[in-house]
Amino acid sequence: MKFIYLSRTKPYTMSYIKERGKSFAYAFAGLKAALKEHNFRIHVFAMALVVGLAFFFKVTRSEWCILIICCAMVICLELINSAIEKLCDKVEPGQDPKIKFVKDVSAAAVLIAAVASAVTGLIIFYPYFIIVFS
């Protein structure tokens, strides 16, 4: 079996580093733009609540990992959904059944991720709430 070893043979140049910096700047600009979206702010608030509860209850490392994955999944899907909606609005400003389908399906993906994450959060936090409130 032949292995392919991928490595960069050239040293990193300033232009390469600047291009990577621009990529990060675009990504942060996307986050800033997303914060103007109502649903994104709701998910960020929920994520902050989950992180606060996780610190308060001192959840295990495994639970932290699960919570981080759930939060990231919902946030990523909300970002994708927002991008799809903006693109659809640009492509077809009026009403179109196919555009409606695309928007509805992308919103459903966020909904499924959010519900699954909420259930996961309840499963993780329920024992801690029982201990605190009993």
C-alpha atoms as a PDB file:
ATOM      1  CA  MET A   1       0.000   0.000   0.000  1.00  0.00           C
ATOM      2  CA  LYS A   2       1.378   3.355  -1.004  1.00  0.00           C
ATOM      3  CA  PHE A   3       0.948   6.261   1.393  1.00  0.00           C
ATOM      4  CA  ILE A   4       0.679   9.788   0.136  1.00  0.00           C
ATOM      5  CA  TYR A   5       2.342  12.284   2.405  1.00  0.00           C
ATOM      6  CA  LEU A   6       0.989  15.761   1.943  1.00  0.00           C
ATOM      7  CA  SER A   7       3.164  18.547   3.189  1.00  0.00           C
ATOM      8  CA  ARG A   8       3.846  22.087   2.260  1.00  0.00           C
ATOM      9  CA  THR A   9       7.281  22.245   0.607  1.00  0.00           C
ATOM     10  CA  LYS A  10       7.402  26.031   0.420  1.00  0.00           C
ATOM     11  CA  PRO A  11       7.715  28.190   3.507  1.00  0.00           C
ATOM     12  CA  TYR A  12       4.655  30.201   4.437  1.00  0.00           C
ATOM     13  CA  THR A  13       4.906  33.614   2.804  1.00  0.00           C
ATOM     14  CA  MET A  14       3.397  36.847   4.085  1.00  0.00           C
ATOM     15  CA  SER A  15       0.825  36.817   1.281  1.00  0.00           C
ATOM     16  CA  TYR A  16      -0.283  33.315   2.303  1.00  0.00           C
ATOM     17  CA  ILE A  17      -0.621  34.414   5.918  1.00  0.00           C
ATOM     18  CA  LYS A  18      -2.528  37.562   4.877  1.00  0.00           C
ATOM     19  CA  GLU A  19      -4.933  35.460   2.805  1.00  0.00           C
ATOM     20  CA  ARG A  20      -5.632  33.231   5.825  1.00  0.00           C
ATOM     21  CA  GLY A  21      -6.194  36.363   7.890  1.00  0.00           C
ATOM     22  CA  LYS A  22      -8.709  37.601   5.311  1.00  0.00           C
ATOM     23  CA  SER A  23     -10.521  34.263   5.517  1.00  0.00           C
ATOM     24  CA  PHE A  24     -10.907  34.671   9.272  1.00  0.00           C
ATOM     25  CA  ALA A  25     -12.040  38.270   8.807  1.00  0.00           C
ATOM     26  CA  TYR A  26     -14.769  37.130   6.388  1.00  0.00           C
ATOM     27  CA  ALA A  27     -15.883  34.443   8.831  1.00  0.00           C
ATOM     28  CA  PHE A  28     -16.123  36.935  11.695  1.00  0.00           C
ATOM     29  CA  ALA A  29     -18.001  39.335   9.415  1.00  0.00           C
ATOM     30  CA  GLY A  30     -20.454  36.499   8.773  1.00  0.00           C
ATOM     31  CA  LEU A  31     -20.941  35.979  12.504  1.00  0.00           C
ATOM     32  CA  LYS A  32     -21.481  39.707  12.984  1.00  0.00           C
ATOM     33  CA  ALA A  33     -24.069  39.723  10.189  1.00  0.00           C
ATOM     34  CA  ALA A  34     -25.776  36.636  11.634  1.00  0.00           C
ATOM     35  CA  LEU A  35     -26.151  38.349  15.007  1.00  0.00           C
ATOM     36  CA  LYS A  36     -28.632  40.687  13.317  1.00  0.00           C
ATOM     37  CA  GLU A  37     -30.914  37.692  12.676  1.00  0.00           C
ATOM     38  CA  HIS A  38     -33.544  37.179  15.380  1.00  0.00           C
ATOM     39  CA  ASN A  39     -33.449  33.364  15.376  1.00  0.00           C
ATOM     40  CA  PHE A  40     -29.653  33.319  15.529  1.00  0.00           C
ATOM     41  CA  ARG A  41     -29.715  35.547  18.614  1.00  0.00           C
ATOM     42  CA  ILE A  42     -32.221  33.188  20.240  1.00  0.00           C
ATOM     43  CA  HIS A  43     -29.899  30.229  19.635  1.00  0.00           C
ATOM     44  CA  VAL A  44     -26.892  32.184  20.937  1.00  0.00           C
ATOM     45  CA  PHE A  45     -28.872  33.051  24.084  1.00  0.00           C
ATOM     46  CA  ALA A  46     -29.805  29.370  24.532  1.00  0.00           C
ATOM     47  CA  MET A  47     -26.167  28.389  24.065  1.00  0.00           C
ATOM     48  CA  ALA A  48     -25.085  30.916  26.700  1.00  0.00           C
ATOM     49  CA  LEU A  49     -27.703  29.497  29.073  1.00  0.00           C
ATOM     50  CA  VAL A  50     -26.425  25.954  28.473  1.00  0.00           C
ATOM     51  CA  VAL A  51     -22.813  27.017  29.062  1.00  0.00           C
ATOM     52  CA  GLY A  52     -23.827  28.824  32.256  1.00  0.00           C
ATOM     53  CA  LEU A  53     -25.700  25.776  33.550  1.00  0.00           C
ATOM     54  CA  ALA A  54     -22.794  23.507  32.637  1.00  0.00           C
ATOM     55  CA  PHE A  55     -20.396  25.670  34.668  1.00  0.00           C
ATOM     56  CA  PHE A  56     -22.870  25.940  37.555  1.00  0.00           C
ATOM     57  CA  PHE A  57     -23.468  22.190  37.762  1.00  0.00           C
ATOM     58  CA  LYS A  58     -19.831  21.292  37.014  1.00  0.00           C
ATOM     59  CA  VAL A  59     -20.799  18.737  34.369  1.00  0.00           C
ATOM     60  CA  THR A  60     -18.350  16.007  33.390  1.00  0.00           C
ATOM     61  CA  ARG A  61     -15.959  16.241  30.443  1.00  0.00           C
ATOM     62  CA  SER A  62     -18.090  13.848  28.450  1.00  0.00           C
ATOM     63  CA  GLU A  63     -21.182  15.928  29.113  1.00  0.00           C
ATOM     64  CA  TRP A  64     -19.274  19.070  28.105  1.00  0.00           C
ATOM     65  CA  CYS A  65     -18.326  17.437  24.815  1.00  0.00           C
ATOM     66  CA  ILE A  66     -21.906  16.436  24.095  1.00  0.00           C
ATOM     67  CA  LEU A  67     -23.199  19.919  24.963  1.00  0.00           C
ATOM     68  CA  ILE A  68     -20.566  21.602  22.785  1.00  0.00           C
ATOM     69  CA  ILE A  69     -21.399  19.355  19.835  1.00  0.00           C
ATOM     70  CA  CYS A  70     -25.122  20.043  20.242  1.00  0.00           C
ATOM     71  CA  CYS A  71     -24.616  23.802  20.487  1.00  0.00           C
ATOM     72  CA  ALA A  72     -22.264  23.866  17.512  1.00  0.00           C
ATOM     73  CA  MET A  73     -24.679  21.773  15.451  1.00  0.00           C
ATOM     74  CA  VAL A  74     -27.589  24.150  16.086  1.00  0.00           C
ATOM     75  CA  ILE A  75     -25.519  27.299  15.519  1.00  0.00           C
ATOM     76  CA  CYS A  76     -24.005  25.926  12.292  1.00  0.00           C
ATOM     77  CA  LEU A  77     -27.377  24.872  10.932  1.00  0.00           C
ATOM     78  CA  GLU A  78     -28.853  28.257  11.811  1.00  0.00           C
ATOM     79  CA  LEU A  79     -26.004  29.977   9.941  1.00  0.00           C
ATOM     80  CA  ILE A  80     -26.573  27.744   6.912  1.00  0.00           C
ATOM     81  CA  ASN A  81     -30.325  28.326   7.100  1.00  0.00           C
ATOM     82  CA  SER A  82     -29.838  32.104   7.217  1.00  0.00           C
ATOM     83  CA  ALA A  83     -27.505  31.974   4.221  1.00  0.00           C
ATOM     84  CA  ILE A  84     -29.976  29.830   2.260  1.00  0.00           C
ATOM     85  CA  GLU A  85     -32.833  32.197   3.069  1.00  0.00           C
ATOM     86  CA  LYS A  86     -30.856  35.283   1.986  1.00  0.00           C
ATOM     87  CA  LEU A  87     -29.782  33.576  -1.229  1.00  0.00           C
ATOM     88  CA  CYS A  88     -33.339  32.453  -1.979  1.00  0.00           C
ATOM     89  CA  ASP A  89     -34.635  35.988  -1.393  1.00  0.00           C
ATOM     90  CA  LYS A  90     -32.016  37.322  -3.822  1.00  0.00           C
ATOM     91  CA  VAL A  91     -32.719  34.711  -6.495  1.00  0.00           C
ATOM     92  CA  GLU A  92     -36.508  34.951  -6.272  1.00  0.00           C
ATOM     93  CA  PRO A  93     -37.837  38.031  -4.450  1.00  0.00           C
ATOM     94  CA  GLY A  94     -41.452  36.979  -5.065  1.00  0.00           C
ATOM     95  CA  GLN A  95     -43.370  33.891  -4.027  1.00  0.00           C
ATOM     96  CA  ASP A  96     -42.226  30.623  -5.587  1.00  0.00           C
ATOM     97  CA  PRO A  97     -43.236  27.107  -4.468  1.00  0.00           C
ATOM     98  CA  LYS A  98     -39.754  25.662  -5.073  1.00  0.00           C
ATOM     99  CA  ILE A  99     -38.061  28.451  -3.103  1.00  0.00           C
ATOM    100  CA  LYS A 100     -40.614  27.942  -0.315  1.00  0.00           C
ATOM    101  CA  PHE A 101     -39.710  24.247  -0.234  1.00  0.00           C
ATOM    102  CA  VAL A 102     -35.983  25.031   0.059  1.00  0.00           C
ATOM    103  CA  LYS A 103     -36.582  27.530   2.860  1.00  0.00           C
ATOM    104  CA  ASP A 104     -38.965  25.217   4.715  1.00  0.00           C
ATOM    105  CA  VAL A 105     -36.601  22.239   4.523  1.00  0.00           C
ATOM    106  CA  SER A 106     -33.606  24.255   5.732  1.00  0.00           C
ATOM    107  CA  ALA A 107     -35.690  25.636   8.614  1.00  0.00           C
ATOM    108  CA  ALA A 108     -36.809  22.085   9.442  1.00  0.00           C
ATOM    109  CA  ALA A 109     -33.170  21.015   9.709  1.00  0.00           C
ATOM    110  CA  VAL A 110     -32.589  23.708  12.326  1.00  0.00           C
ATOM    111  CA  LEU A 111     -35.759  22.698  14.161  1.00  0.00           C
ATOM    112  CA  ILE A 112     -34.758  19.031  14.324  1.00  0.00           C
ATOM    113  CA  ALA A 113     -31.267  19.922  15.570  1.00  0.00           C
ATOM    114  CA  ALA A 114     -32.678  22.335  18.162  1.00  0.00           C
ATOM    115  CA  VAL A 115     -35.227  19.819  19.487  1.00  0.00           C
ATOM    116  CA  ALA A 116     -32.640  17.023  19.617  1.00  0.00           C
ATOM    117  CA  SER A 117     -30.234  19.342  21.427  1.00  0.00           C
ATOM    118  CA  ALA A 118     -32.913  20.439  23.897  1.00  0.00           C
ATOM    119  CA  VAL A 119     -33.761  16.813  24.676  1.00  0.00           C
ATOM    120  CA  THR A 120     -30.058  16.045  25.080  1.00  0.00           C
ATOM    121  CA  GLY A 121     -29.732  19.018  27.429  1.00  0.00           C
ATOM    122  CA  LEU A 122     -32.684  17.798  29.493  1.00  0.00           C
ATOM    123  CA  ILE A 123     -31.156  14.333  29.741  1.00  0.00           C
ATOM    124  CA  ILE A 124     -27.837  15.798  30.894  1.00  0.00           C
ATOM    125  CA  PHE A 125     -29.175  18.467  33.279  1.00  0.00           C
ATOM    126  CA  TYR A 126     -32.157  16.605  34.783  1.00  0.00           C
ATOM    127  CA  PRO A 127     -30.100  14.694  37.403  1.00  0.00           C
ATOM    128  CA  TYR A 128     -28.338  17.908  38.433  1.00  0.00           C
ATOM    129  CA  PHE A 129     -31.649  19.754  38.846  1.00  0.00           C
ATOM    130  CA  ILE A 130     -33.018  16.870  40.960  1.00  0.00           C
ATOM    131  CA  ILE A 131     -29.995  17.080  43.281  1.00  0.00           C
ATOM    132  CA  VAL A 132     -30.169  20.882  43.625  1.00  0.00           C
ATOM    133  CA  PHE A 133     -33.937  21.137  44.119  1.00  0.00           C
ATOM    134  CA  SER A 134     -34.459  18.125  46.402  1.00  0.00           C
END
